[in-house]
Amino acid sequence: MPFSRRSAASTLLLSSLALAAVTGPVINANFPDPAMIQVGGTSYAYATNNIGGAINVQLATSSDNGTTWALTSSDALPDVGPWAVTGSTWAPDVVQRDDGTFILYYAAKDPTVTDRLSHCVGAATSTNPKGPFTPQSAPISCNAAGGGSIDISGFQDTDGTRYVVYKVDGSALGGGGSCGNANGAYATPIMLQQMEADGVTPTGNPQQILDRIESEDGPLVEAPVVILKDGNYVLFYSSHCFNDPAYDIRYATAPSVAGPYTRKGAIISPGDYGLVSPGGATPLPSGDFMVFHAQINADPLTRAMYTATLTWDNPSVA
């Protein structure tokens, strides 16, 4: 079912100021942390492993520009890398390389950390957006000391340089409180990592482009995605805990991919459109359409996929 809300704003039209429409759930099943890519006349959506971990990366398709979706029984990533644990994959993202190869980025449990849950992020490649994707033998980032690495997504700048962004998962260090983050005691920075032209090999050191502000974000920020809109770099992200009613979708803008990023506020706030814990958004590179999840059942936790149309009045706001 569609929802609409508009207002007269002279800035970048996102969030409550001018999110054009929200539709959904378009996948009425557990399909959290969705990502989307369009290839020809078909749209492909990917999501975190399903309940029980029988499928590492879920796959859905649409032949009408993301209006209606069919959830498949296929596993886009039937085998994870040797650095990862099967059935523990989170928050995939897919981009296409200049040679036509598709790169799937994903997070998975790090088997070398045995006293707590810790993830690494890595990549897999395929000549078909449906997969099967073949995993790389080494991860892109683990950062076990910081809690692990999760929520990776890819971005290509205008000069052809490829990057990934991801979250250092300080929440996994434990200590109680919201999201197990000892009431925000540990950092959850969003990192930018330059990649080689192959999109799977990191080069140089990662740099931080955002971290939480407790009064705005609660214990964490996560689920980063970067796009370029009319010369402005736009960072989409979520704040608060994924199962908290305060979970939301926010954005920040910058004149450079490396920042500094200026926070612009929420795209979807708690309670908007009757949604519960909306988050994990991935926009198309054009910035006019995005997929995200929201909770439709608490026990078992079920996060369905929704879509949103975005409008931009004055994109020159970085």
C-alpha atoms as a PDB file:
ATOM      1  CA  MET A   1       0.000   0.000   0.000  1.00  0.00           C
ATOM      2  CA  PRO A   2       1.400   3.451  -0.907  1.00  0.00           C
ATOM      3  CA  PHE A   3       1.925   6.338   1.480  1.00  0.00           C
ATOM      4  CA  SER A   4       2.677   9.922   0.428  1.00  0.00           C
ATOM      5  CA  ARG A   5       3.822  13.062   2.145  1.00  0.00           C
ATOM      6  CA  ARG A   6       5.133  16.314   0.659  1.00  0.00           C
ATOM      7  CA  SER A   7       6.009  19.771   1.952  1.00  0.00           C
ATOM      8  CA  ALA A   8       7.524  22.936   0.563  1.00  0.00           C
ATOM      9  CA  ALA A   9      11.234  22.783   1.321  1.00  0.00           C
ATOM     10  CA  SER A  10      14.029  24.481  -0.580  1.00  0.00           C
ATOM     11  CA  THR A  11      16.762  22.051   0.448  1.00  0.00           C
ATOM     12  CA  LEU A  12      17.556  18.511  -0.550  1.00  0.00           C
ATOM     13  CA  LEU A  13      14.232  16.725  -0.567  1.00  0.00           C
ATOM     14  CA  LEU A  14      14.672  13.695   1.616  1.00  0.00           C
ATOM     15  CA  SER A  15      13.120  12.515   4.877  1.00  0.00           C
ATOM     16  CA  SER A  16       9.964  14.096   6.252  1.00  0.00           C
ATOM     17  CA  LEU A  17      10.616  17.222   4.216  1.00  0.00           C
ATOM     18  CA  ALA A  18       9.819  15.573   0.893  1.00  0.00           C
ATOM     19  CA  LEU A  19      10.014  11.825   0.692  1.00  0.00           C
ATOM     20  CA  ALA A  20       7.670  11.328  -2.236  1.00  0.00           C
ATOM     21  CA  ALA A  21       6.203   7.920  -1.427  1.00  0.00           C
ATOM     22  CA  VAL A  22       6.710   4.707   0.520  1.00  0.00           C
ATOM     23  CA  THR A  23       5.282   1.412  -0.721  1.00  0.00           C
ATOM     24  CA  GLY A  24       5.116  -1.928   0.974  1.00  0.00           C
ATOM     25  CA  PRO A  25       5.801  -4.340   2.196  1.00  0.00           C
ATOM     26  CA  VAL A  26       6.765  -5.399  -1.312  1.00  0.00           C
ATOM     27  CA  ILE A  27       8.350  -8.588   0.059  1.00  0.00           C
ATOM     28  CA  ASN A  28       6.109  -9.764   2.878  1.00  0.00           C
ATOM     29  CA  ALA A  29       8.720 -12.063   4.421  1.00  0.00           C
ATOM     30  CA  ASN A  30      11.941 -11.773   6.397  1.00  0.00           C
ATOM     31  CA  PHE A  31      14.202  -9.878   3.956  1.00  0.00           C
ATOM     32  CA  PRO A  32      16.375  -7.583   6.084  1.00  0.00           C
ATOM     33  CA  ASP A  33      19.142  -5.172   5.044  1.00  0.00           C
ATOM     34  CA  PRO A  34      18.105  -5.166   1.380  1.00  0.00           C
ATOM     35  CA  ALA A  35      20.260  -3.957  -1.504  1.00  0.00           C
ATOM     36  CA  MET A  36      19.202  -3.444  -5.095  1.00  0.00           C
ATOM     37  CA  ILE A  37      20.721  -3.263  -8.563  1.00  0.00           C
ATOM     38  CA  GLN A  38      19.058  -2.784 -11.950  1.00  0.00           C
ATOM     39  CA  VAL A  39      20.384  -4.653 -14.981  1.00  0.00           C
ATOM     40  CA  GLY A  40      18.579  -4.123 -18.238  1.00  0.00           C
ATOM     41  CA  GLY A  41      14.856  -4.464 -17.575  1.00  0.00           C
ATOM     42  CA  THR A  42      15.269  -6.501 -14.388  1.00  0.00           C
ATOM     43  CA  SER A  43      15.817  -5.366 -10.808  1.00  0.00           C
ATOM     44  CA  TYR A  44      17.569  -7.640  -8.320  1.00  0.00           C
ATOM     45  CA  ALA A  45      17.343  -7.368  -4.549  1.00  0.00           C
ATOM     46  CA  TYR A  46      19.613  -9.128  -2.055  1.00  0.00           C
ATOM     47  CA  ALA A  47      19.218  -9.572   1.695  1.00  0.00           C
ATOM     48  CA  THR A  48      20.705 -10.986   4.896  1.00  0.00           C
ATOM     49  CA  ASN A  49      20.538 -14.770   5.362  1.00  0.00           C
ATOM     50  CA  ASN A  50      17.063 -16.108   6.008  1.00  0.00           C
ATOM     51  CA  ILE A  51      15.838 -17.461   9.341  1.00  0.00           C
ATOM     52  CA  GLY A  52      17.950 -20.469  10.216  1.00  0.00           C
ATOM     53  CA  GLY A  53      20.718 -19.505   7.797  1.00  0.00           C
ATOM     54  CA  ALA A  54      19.729 -22.018   5.103  1.00  0.00           C
ATOM     55  CA  ILE A  55      20.394 -19.383   2.430  1.00  0.00           C
ATOM     56  CA  ASN A  56      23.468 -17.160   2.794  1.00  0.00           C
ATOM     57  CA  VAL A  57      22.224 -14.326   0.567  1.00  0.00           C
ATOM     58  CA  GLN A  58      18.547 -14.088  -0.339  1.00  0.00           C
ATOM     59  CA  LEU A  59      17.547 -13.041  -3.859  1.00  0.00           C
ATOM     60  CA  ALA A  60      14.395 -11.420  -5.227  1.00  0.00           C
ATOM     61  CA  THR A  61      13.642 -10.083  -8.705  1.00  0.00           C
ATOM     62  CA  SER A  62      11.367  -7.509 -10.298  1.00  0.00           C
ATOM     63  CA  SER A  63      10.533  -6.957 -13.959  1.00  0.00           C
ATOM     64  CA  ASP A  64       8.604  -3.692 -13.462  1.00  0.00           C
ATOM     65  CA  ASN A  65      11.214  -1.306 -12.033  1.00  0.00           C
ATOM     66  CA  GLY A  66      10.795  -2.429  -8.461  1.00  0.00           C
ATOM     67  CA  THR A  67       7.017  -2.217  -8.237  1.00  0.00           C
ATOM     68  CA  THR A  68       6.350  -5.910  -7.659  1.00  0.00           C
ATOM     69  CA  TRP A  69       8.852  -8.488  -6.449  1.00  0.00           C
ATOM     70  CA  ALA A  70       9.221 -12.259  -6.544  1.00  0.00           C
ATOM     71  CA  LEU A  71      11.243 -13.839  -3.749  1.00  0.00           C
ATOM     72  CA  THR A  72      13.261 -16.748  -5.169  1.00  0.00           C
ATOM     73  CA  SER A  73      14.522 -19.871  -3.437  1.00  0.00           C
ATOM     74  CA  SER A  74      18.014 -19.295  -4.830  1.00  0.00           C
ATOM     75  CA  ASP A  75      21.113 -18.601  -2.781  1.00  0.00           C
ATOM     76  CA  ALA A  76      23.147 -15.905  -4.531  1.00  0.00           C
ATOM     77  CA  LEU A  77      26.175 -16.935  -2.436  1.00  0.00           C
ATOM     78  CA  PRO A  78      25.990 -20.702  -1.876  1.00  0.00           C
ATOM     79  CA  ASP A  79      29.590 -20.795  -0.590  1.00  0.00           C
ATOM     80  CA  VAL A  80      31.207 -18.167   1.635  1.00  0.00           C
ATOM     81  CA  GLY A  81      34.918 -17.411   1.732  1.00  0.00           C
ATOM     82  CA  PRO A  82      37.253 -19.523   3.884  1.00  0.00           C
ATOM     83  CA  TRP A  83      37.453 -16.587   6.306  1.00  0.00           C
ATOM     84  CA  ALA A  84      33.715 -16.806   7.023  1.00  0.00           C
ATOM     85  CA  VAL A  85      31.107 -19.009   8.702  1.00  0.00           C
ATOM     86  CA  THR A  86      28.270 -20.304   6.501  1.00  0.00           C
ATOM     87  CA  GLY A  87      24.783 -19.116   7.420  1.00  0.00           C
ATOM     88  CA  SER A  88      25.989 -15.997   9.229  1.00  0.00           C
ATOM     89  CA  THR A  89      25.967 -13.564   6.301  1.00  0.00           C
ATOM     90  CA  TRP A  90      24.630 -10.039   6.787  1.00  0.00           C
ATOM     91  CA  ALA A  91      23.744  -6.995   4.700  1.00  0.00           C
ATOM     92  CA  PRO A  92      24.918  -7.785   1.135  1.00  0.00           C
ATOM     93  CA  ASP A  93      25.433  -5.208  -1.593  1.00  0.00           C
ATOM     94  CA  VAL A  94      25.989  -5.724  -5.328  1.00  0.00           C
ATOM     95  CA  VAL A  95      27.692  -3.436  -7.859  1.00  0.00           C
ATOM     96  CA  GLN A  96      28.777  -3.971 -11.449  1.00  0.00           C
ATOM     97  CA  ARG A  97      32.373  -3.556 -12.562  1.00  0.00           C
ATOM     98  CA  ASP A  98      33.352  -1.862 -15.833  1.00  0.00           C
ATOM     99  CA  ASP A  99      34.128  -5.244 -17.425  1.00  0.00           C
ATOM    100  CA  GLY A 100      30.579  -6.427 -16.678  1.00  0.00           C
ATOM    101  CA  THR A 101      31.492  -8.528 -13.644  1.00  0.00           C
ATOM    102  CA  PHE A 102      29.188  -8.248 -10.649  1.00  0.00           C
ATOM    103  CA  ILE A 103      30.676  -7.857  -7.169  1.00  0.00           C
ATOM    104  CA  LEU A 104      28.743  -8.973  -4.116  1.00  0.00           C
ATOM    105  CA  TYR A 105      29.940  -7.488  -0.827  1.00  0.00           C
ATOM    106  CA  TYR A 106      28.847  -9.162   2.396  1.00  0.00           C
ATOM    107  CA  ALA A 107      29.601  -9.593   6.086  1.00  0.00           C
ATOM    108  CA  ALA A 108      29.972 -12.978   7.760  1.00  0.00           C
ATOM    109  CA  LYS A 109      31.007 -14.334  11.128  1.00  0.00           C
ATOM    110  CA  ASP A 110      34.741 -14.446  11.808  1.00  0.00           C
ATOM    111  CA  PRO A 111      35.613 -18.008  12.954  1.00  0.00           C
ATOM    112  CA  THR A 112      38.857 -16.866  14.573  1.00  0.00           C
ATOM    113  CA  VAL A 113      36.962 -14.958  17.286  1.00  0.00           C
ATOM    114  CA  THR A 114      35.479 -17.512  19.681  1.00  0.00           C
ATOM    115  CA  ASP A 115      34.486 -15.507  22.772  1.00  0.00           C
ATOM    116  CA  ARG A 116      31.880 -13.293  21.052  1.00  0.00           C
ATOM    117  CA  LEU A 117      30.183 -12.615  17.735  1.00  0.00           C
ATOM    118  CA  SER A 118      32.538 -10.787  15.384  1.00  0.00           C
ATOM    119  CA  HIS A 119      32.217 -10.301  11.631  1.00  0.00           C
ATOM    120  CA  CYS A 120      34.480  -9.619   8.681  1.00  0.00           C
ATOM    121  CA  VAL A 121      33.484  -8.092   5.347  1.00  0.00           C
ATOM    122  CA  GLY A 122      34.519  -9.472   1.995  1.00  0.00           C
ATOM    123  CA  ALA A 123      33.563  -9.876  -1.639  1.00  0.00           C
ATOM    124  CA  ALA A 124      32.485 -12.420  -4.240  1.00  0.00           C
ATOM    125  CA  THR A 125      32.147 -12.142  -8.022  1.00  0.00           C
ATOM    126  CA  SER A 126      29.891 -13.457 -10.781  1.00  0.00           C
ATOM    127  CA  THR A 127      29.097 -12.829 -14.435  1.00  0.00           C
ATOM    128  CA  ASN A 128      25.384 -13.043 -13.593  1.00  0.00           C
ATOM    129  CA  PRO A 129      23.564 -10.785 -11.107  1.00  0.00           C
ATOM    130  CA  LYS A 130      21.655 -13.867  -9.911  1.00  0.00           C
ATOM    131  CA  GLY A 131      24.911 -15.576  -9.038  1.00  0.00           C
ATOM    132  CA  PRO A 132      26.172 -17.942  -7.971  1.00  0.00           C
ATOM    133  CA  PHE A 133      28.875 -15.597  -6.702  1.00  0.00           C
ATOM    134  CA  THR A 134      32.358 -17.002  -6.142  1.00  0.00           C
ATOM    135  CA  PRO A 135      33.900 -15.728  -2.890  1.00  0.00           C
ATOM    136  CA  GLN A 136      37.332 -14.161  -2.603  1.00  0.00           C
ATOM    137  CA  SER A 137      39.770 -16.096  -0.445  1.00  0.00           C
ATOM    138  CA  ALA A 138      40.596 -13.168   1.863  1.00  0.00           C
ATOM    139  CA  PRO A 139      38.360 -10.640   3.617  1.00  0.00           C
ATOM    140  CA  ILE A 140      38.481  -6.891   3.008  1.00  0.00           C
ATOM    141  CA  SER A 141      38.312  -5.960   6.699  1.00  0.00           C
ATOM    142  CA  CYS A 142      37.869  -7.775  10.011  1.00  0.00           C
ATOM    143  CA  ASN A 143      38.910  -5.313  12.752  1.00  0.00           C
ATOM    144  CA  ALA A 144      38.251  -7.839  15.508  1.00  0.00           C
ATOM    145  CA  ALA A 145      39.771  -5.531  18.115  1.00  0.00           C
ATOM    146  CA  GLY A 146      37.157  -2.907  17.315  1.00  0.00           C
ATOM    147  CA  GLY A 147      34.308  -5.431  17.386  1.00  0.00           C
ATOM    148  CA  GLY A 148      34.391  -6.577  13.770  1.00  0.00           C
ATOM    149  CA  SER A 149      33.320  -5.123  10.422  1.00  0.00           C
ATOM    150  CA  ILE A 150      29.786  -5.228   8.987  1.00  0.00           C
ATOM    151  CA  ASP A 151      27.404  -3.486   6.572  1.00  0.00           C
ATOM    152  CA  ILE A 152      29.691  -3.106   3.549  1.00  0.00           C
ATOM    153  CA  SER A 153      28.595  -1.418   0.320  1.00  0.00           C
ATOM    154  CA  GLY A 154      30.361  -0.319  -2.854  1.00  0.00           C
ATOM    155  CA  PHE A 155      30.735   3.038  -4.615  1.00  0.00           C
ATOM    156  CA  GLN A 156      32.516   4.217  -7.776  1.00  0.00           C
ATOM    157  CA  ASP A 157      33.538   7.863  -8.085  1.00  0.00           C
ATOM    158  CA  THR A 158      33.473   9.921 -11.285  1.00  0.00           C
ATOM    159  CA  ASP A 159      37.193   9.310 -11.894  1.00  0.00           C
ATOM    160  CA  GLY A 160      36.579   5.555 -11.821  1.00  0.00           C
ATOM    161  CA  THR A 161      38.060   4.994  -8.358  1.00  0.00           C
ATOM    162  CA  ARG A 162      36.231   2.339  -6.388  1.00  0.00           C
ATOM    163  CA  TYR A 163      35.536   2.441  -2.665  1.00  0.00           C
ATOM    164  CA  VAL A 164      33.658   0.514  -0.047  1.00  0.00           C
ATOM    165  CA  VAL A 165      32.109   1.854   3.128  1.00  0.00           C
ATOM    166  CA  TYR A 166      31.402  -0.248   6.197  1.00  0.00           C
ATOM    167  CA  LYS A 167      30.788  -0.056   9.945  1.00  0.00           C
ATOM    168  CA  VAL A 168      33.241  -1.046  12.656  1.00  0.00           C
ATOM    169  CA  ASP A 169      30.934  -2.999  14.960  1.00  0.00           C
ATOM    170  CA  GLY A 170      31.825  -1.735  18.423  1.00  0.00           C
ATOM    171  CA  SER A 171      28.435  -2.986  19.574  1.00  0.00           C
ATOM    172  CA  ALA A 172      29.777  -6.559  19.397  1.00  0.00           C
ATOM    173  CA  LEU A 173      32.231  -5.845  22.208  1.00  0.00           C
ATOM    174  CA  GLY A 174      29.317  -6.186  24.621  1.00  0.00           C
ATOM    175  CA  GLY A 175      28.662  -4.723  28.020  1.00  0.00           C
ATOM    176  CA  GLY A 176      24.871  -4.569  28.047  1.00  0.00           C
ATOM    177  CA  GLY A 177      22.652  -1.608  27.306  1.00  0.00           C
ATOM    178  CA  SER A 178      20.983  -0.832  24.015  1.00  0.00           C
ATOM    179  CA  CYS A 179      22.244  -3.147  21.254  1.00  0.00           C
ATOM    180  CA  GLY A 180      24.801  -4.620  23.656  1.00  0.00           C
ATOM    181  CA  ASN A 181      26.981  -1.543  23.285  1.00  0.00           C
ATOM    182  CA  ALA A 182      27.418  -0.752  26.994  1.00  0.00           C
ATOM    183  CA  ASN A 183      25.156   2.269  26.495  1.00  0.00           C
ATOM    184  CA  GLY A 184      27.371   3.617  23.745  1.00  0.00           C
ATOM    185  CA  ALA A 185      30.748   2.964  25.357  1.00  0.00           C
ATOM    186  CA  TYR A 186      32.283   1.676  22.119  1.00  0.00           C
ATOM    187  CA  ALA A 187      32.767   3.501  18.848  1.00  0.00           C
ATOM    188  CA  THR A 188      30.864   2.383  15.749  1.00  0.00           C
ATOM    189  CA  PRO A 189      32.597   4.451  13.066  1.00  0.00           C
ATOM    190  CA  ILE A 190      31.701   4.327   9.403  1.00  0.00           C
ATOM    191  CA  MET A 191      34.850   3.738   7.385  1.00  0.00           C
ATOM    192  CA  LEU A 192      35.793   4.519   3.782  1.00  0.00           C
ATOM    193  CA  GLN A 193      38.219   2.113   2.100  1.00  0.00           C
ATOM    194  CA  GLN A 194      39.690   2.721  -1.346  1.00  0.00           C
ATOM    195  CA  MET A 195      39.800  -0.360  -3.575  1.00  0.00           C
ATOM    196  CA  GLU A 196      41.839  -1.442  -6.575  1.00  0.00           C
ATOM    197  CA  ALA A 197      40.133  -1.334  -9.984  1.00  0.00           C
ATOM    198  CA  ASP A 198      39.022  -4.927  -9.453  1.00  0.00           C
ATOM    199  CA  GLY A 199      36.736  -3.761  -6.638  1.00  0.00           C
ATOM    200  CA  VAL A 200      37.770  -6.638  -4.371  1.00  0.00           C
ATOM    201  CA  THR A 201      41.303  -5.670  -3.291  1.00  0.00           C
ATOM    202  CA  PRO A 202      41.765  -2.909  -0.696  1.00  0.00           C
ATOM    203  CA  THR A 203      44.517  -0.354  -1.190  1.00  0.00           C
ATOM    204  CA  GLY A 204      45.832   2.031   1.442  1.00  0.00           C
ATOM    205  CA  ASN A 205      44.313   2.512   4.857  1.00  0.00           C
ATOM    206  CA  PRO A 206      40.621   3.042   5.664  1.00  0.00           C
ATOM    207  CA  GLN A 207      39.532   6.398   7.020  1.00  0.00           C
ATOM    208  CA  GLN A 208      36.634   7.321   9.255  1.00  0.00           C
ATOM    209  CA  ILE A 209      33.916   9.457   7.673  1.00  0.00           C
ATOM    210  CA  LEU A 210      31.239   9.379  10.417  1.00  0.00           C
ATOM    211  CA  ASP A 211      30.669   8.167  13.961  1.00  0.00           C
ATOM    212  CA  ARG A 212      27.760   8.300  16.344  1.00  0.00           C
ATOM    213  CA  ILE A 213      26.607  11.342  18.264  1.00  0.00           C
ATOM    214  CA  GLU A 214      24.838   9.929  21.305  1.00  0.00           C
ATOM    215  CA  SER A 215      22.120  12.593  21.456  1.00  0.00           C
ATOM    216  CA  GLU A 216      21.161  11.880  17.818  1.00  0.00           C
ATOM    217  CA  ASP A 217      22.155   8.286  17.212  1.00  0.00           C
ATOM    218  CA  GLY A 218      21.913   6.452  20.518  1.00  0.00           C
ATOM    219  CA  PRO A 219      24.454   3.613  20.681  1.00  0.00           C
ATOM    220  CA  LEU A 220      25.479   3.410  17.031  1.00  0.00           C
ATOM    221  CA  VAL A 221      25.403   4.356  13.368  1.00  0.00           C
ATOM    222  CA  GLU A 222      25.415   1.651  10.681  1.00  0.00           C
ATOM    223  CA  ALA A 223      24.229   0.507   7.223  1.00  0.00           C
ATOM    224  CA  PRO A 224      26.224   3.086   5.223  1.00  0.00           C
ATOM    225  CA  VAL A 225      25.707   3.633   1.497  1.00  0.00           C
ATOM    226  CA  VAL A 226      27.271   6.439  -0.573  1.00  0.00           C
ATOM    227  CA  ILE A 227      25.900   7.872  -3.819  1.00  0.00           C
ATOM    228  CA  LEU A 228      26.838  10.924  -5.886  1.00  0.00           C
ATOM    229  CA  LYS A 229      24.013  13.316  -6.671  1.00  0.00           C
ATOM    230  CA  ASP A 230      24.712  16.377  -8.829  1.00  0.00           C
ATOM    231  CA  GLY A 231      28.231  16.762  -7.513  1.00  0.00           C
ATOM    232  CA  ASN A 232      27.336  16.095  -3.891  1.00  0.00           C
ATOM    233  CA  TYR A 233      28.299  12.929  -2.018  1.00  0.00           C
ATOM    234  CA  VAL A 234      25.353  11.626  -0.021  1.00  0.00           C
ATOM    235  CA  LEU A 235      25.843   9.129   2.799  1.00  0.00           C
ATOM    236  CA  PHE A 236      22.752   7.137   3.775  1.00  0.00           C
ATOM    237  CA  TYR A 237      22.897   5.408   7.171  1.00  0.00           C
ATOM    238  CA  SER A 238      20.791   4.168  10.090  1.00  0.00           C
ATOM    239  CA  SER A 239      21.053   5.074  13.766  1.00  0.00           C
ATOM    240  CA  HIS A 240      19.984   3.398  17.029  1.00  0.00           C
ATOM    241  CA  CYS A 241      19.582  -0.373  17.369  1.00  0.00           C
ATOM    242  CA  PHE A 242      17.999  -2.458  14.606  1.00  0.00           C
ATOM    243  CA  ASN A 243      15.328  -3.863  16.956  1.00  0.00           C
ATOM    244  CA  ASP A 244      14.688  -0.567  18.749  1.00  0.00           C
ATOM    245  CA  PRO A 245      11.615   1.544  17.903  1.00  0.00           C
ATOM    246  CA  ALA A 246      14.038   4.468  17.465  1.00  0.00           C
ATOM    247  CA  TYR A 247      15.820   2.833  14.496  1.00  0.00           C
ATOM    248  CA  ASP A 248      15.681   5.139  11.479  1.00  0.00           C
ATOM    249  CA  ILE A 249      17.161   6.127   8.114  1.00  0.00           C
ATOM    250  CA  ARG A 250      19.302   9.270   7.964  1.00  0.00           C
ATOM    251  CA  TYR A 251      21.640  11.044   5.543  1.00  0.00           C
ATOM    252  CA  ALA A 252      24.609  13.387   5.399  1.00  0.00           C
ATOM    253  CA  THR A 253      26.264  15.251   2.515  1.00  0.00           C
ATOM    254  CA  ALA A 254      29.843  16.172   1.608  1.00  0.00           C
ATOM    255  CA  PRO A 255      31.812  17.906  -1.160  1.00  0.00           C
ATOM    256  CA  SER A 256      34.218  14.938  -1.329  1.00  0.00           C
ATOM    257  CA  VAL A 257      33.778  11.193  -0.926  1.00  0.00           C
ATOM    258  CA  ALA A 258      36.137  11.404   2.057  1.00  0.00           C
ATOM    259  CA  GLY A 259      34.085  14.167   3.665  1.00  0.00           C
ATOM    260  CA  PRO A 260      33.657  16.076   5.814  1.00  0.00           C
ATOM    261  CA  TYR A 261      30.027  14.954   5.956  1.00  0.00           C
ATOM    262  CA  THR A 262      27.349  17.308   7.240  1.00  0.00           C
ATOM    263  CA  ARG A 263      24.382  15.637   8.886  1.00  0.00           C
ATOM    264  CA  LYS A 264      21.071  16.610   7.279  1.00  0.00           C
ATOM    265  CA  GLY A 265      18.605  14.659   9.417  1.00  0.00           C
ATOM    266  CA  ALA A 266      16.241  11.744   9.016  1.00  0.00           C
ATOM    267  CA  ILE A 267      14.826  10.400   5.787  1.00  0.00           C
ATOM    268  CA  ILE A 268      12.381   8.153   7.651  1.00  0.00           C
ATOM    269  CA  SER A 269      11.915   8.694  11.376  1.00  0.00           C
ATOM    270  CA  PRO A 270      10.415   6.288  13.924  1.00  0.00           C
ATOM    271  CA  GLY A 271       6.670   5.976  13.390  1.00  0.00           C
ATOM    272  CA  ASP A 272       6.598   7.585   9.955  1.00  0.00           C
ATOM    273  CA  TYR A 273       4.082   5.905   7.660  1.00  0.00           C
ATOM    274  CA  GLY A 274       3.220   3.510  10.478  1.00  0.00           C
ATOM    275  CA  LEU A 275       6.579   1.757  10.072  1.00  0.00           C
ATOM    276  CA  VAL A 276       8.316  -0.019  12.958  1.00  0.00           C
ATOM    277  CA  SER A 277      12.122   0.234  13.130  1.00  0.00           C
ATOM    278  CA  PRO A 278      12.742   1.239   9.494  1.00  0.00           C
ATOM    279  CA  GLY A 279      16.381   0.991   8.397  1.00  0.00           C
ATOM    280  CA  GLY A 280      19.022  -0.679   6.271  1.00  0.00           C
ATOM    281  CA  ALA A 281      18.295   1.468   3.222  1.00  0.00           C
ATOM    282  CA  THR A 282      19.999   1.166  -0.161  1.00  0.00           C
ATOM    283  CA  PRO A 283      19.246   3.788  -2.834  1.00  0.00           C
ATOM    284  CA  LEU A 284      19.858   3.360  -6.522  1.00  0.00           C
ATOM    285  CA  PRO A 285      22.856   5.401  -7.768  1.00  0.00           C
ATOM    286  CA  SER A 286      20.395   7.901  -9.274  1.00  0.00           C
ATOM    287  CA  GLY A 287      19.094   8.672  -5.797  1.00  0.00           C
ATOM    288  CA  ASP A 288      15.449   8.611  -6.831  1.00  0.00           C
ATOM    289  CA  PHE A 289      14.481   5.164  -5.497  1.00  0.00           C
ATOM    290  CA  MET A 290      15.525   3.070  -2.530  1.00  0.00           C
ATOM    291  CA  VAL A 291      14.781  -0.190  -0.778  1.00  0.00           C
ATOM    292  CA  PHE A 292      14.775  -0.636   2.995  1.00  0.00           C
ATOM    293  CA  HIS A 293      13.342  -2.891   5.681  1.00  0.00           C
ATOM    294  CA  ALA A 294      10.887  -2.404   8.526  1.00  0.00           C
ATOM    295  CA  GLN A 295       9.703  -4.756  11.232  1.00  0.00           C
ATOM    296  CA  ILE A 296       6.380  -6.505  10.635  1.00  0.00           C
ATOM    297  CA  ASN A 297       6.662  -9.055  13.458  1.00  0.00           C
ATOM    298  CA  ALA A 298       8.603  -9.073  16.711  1.00  0.00           C
ATOM    299  CA  ASP A 299       8.679 -12.800  17.478  1.00  0.00           C
ATOM    300  CA  PRO A 300      10.138 -14.223  15.385  1.00  0.00           C
ATOM    301  CA  LEU A 301      11.786 -11.003  14.280  1.00  0.00           C
ATOM    302  CA  THR A 302      10.605 -10.401  10.723  1.00  0.00           C
ATOM    303  CA  ARG A 303      11.786  -7.422   8.697  1.00  0.00           C
ATOM    304  CA  ALA A 304      10.061  -7.017   5.341  1.00  0.00           C
ATOM    305  CA  MET A 305      11.283  -5.033   2.333  1.00  0.00           C
ATOM    306  CA  TYR A 306       9.715  -1.702   1.421  1.00  0.00           C
ATOM    307  CA  THR A 307      10.488   0.766  -1.370  1.00  0.00           C
ATOM    308  CA  ALA A 308      10.572   4.562  -1.379  1.00  0.00           C
ATOM    309  CA  THR A 309      10.666   7.230  -4.054  1.00  0.00           C
ATOM    310  CA  LEU A 310      12.891  10.229  -3.305  1.00  0.00           C
ATOM    311  CA  THR A 311      12.730  13.711  -4.801  1.00  0.00           C
ATOM    312  CA  TRP A 312      15.463  16.365  -4.835  1.00  0.00           C
ATOM    313  CA  ASP A 313      14.597  20.054  -5.078  1.00  0.00           C
ATOM    314  CA  ASN A 314      18.004  21.610  -4.614  1.00  0.00           C
ATOM    315  CA  PRO A 315      20.752  18.986  -4.564  1.00  0.00           C
ATOM    316  CA  SER A 316      23.559  21.544  -4.194  1.00  0.00           C
ATOM    317  CA  VAL A 317      23.545  21.478  -0.418  1.00  0.00           C
ATOM    318  CA  ALA A 318      26.892  19.950   0.579  1.00  0.00           C
END
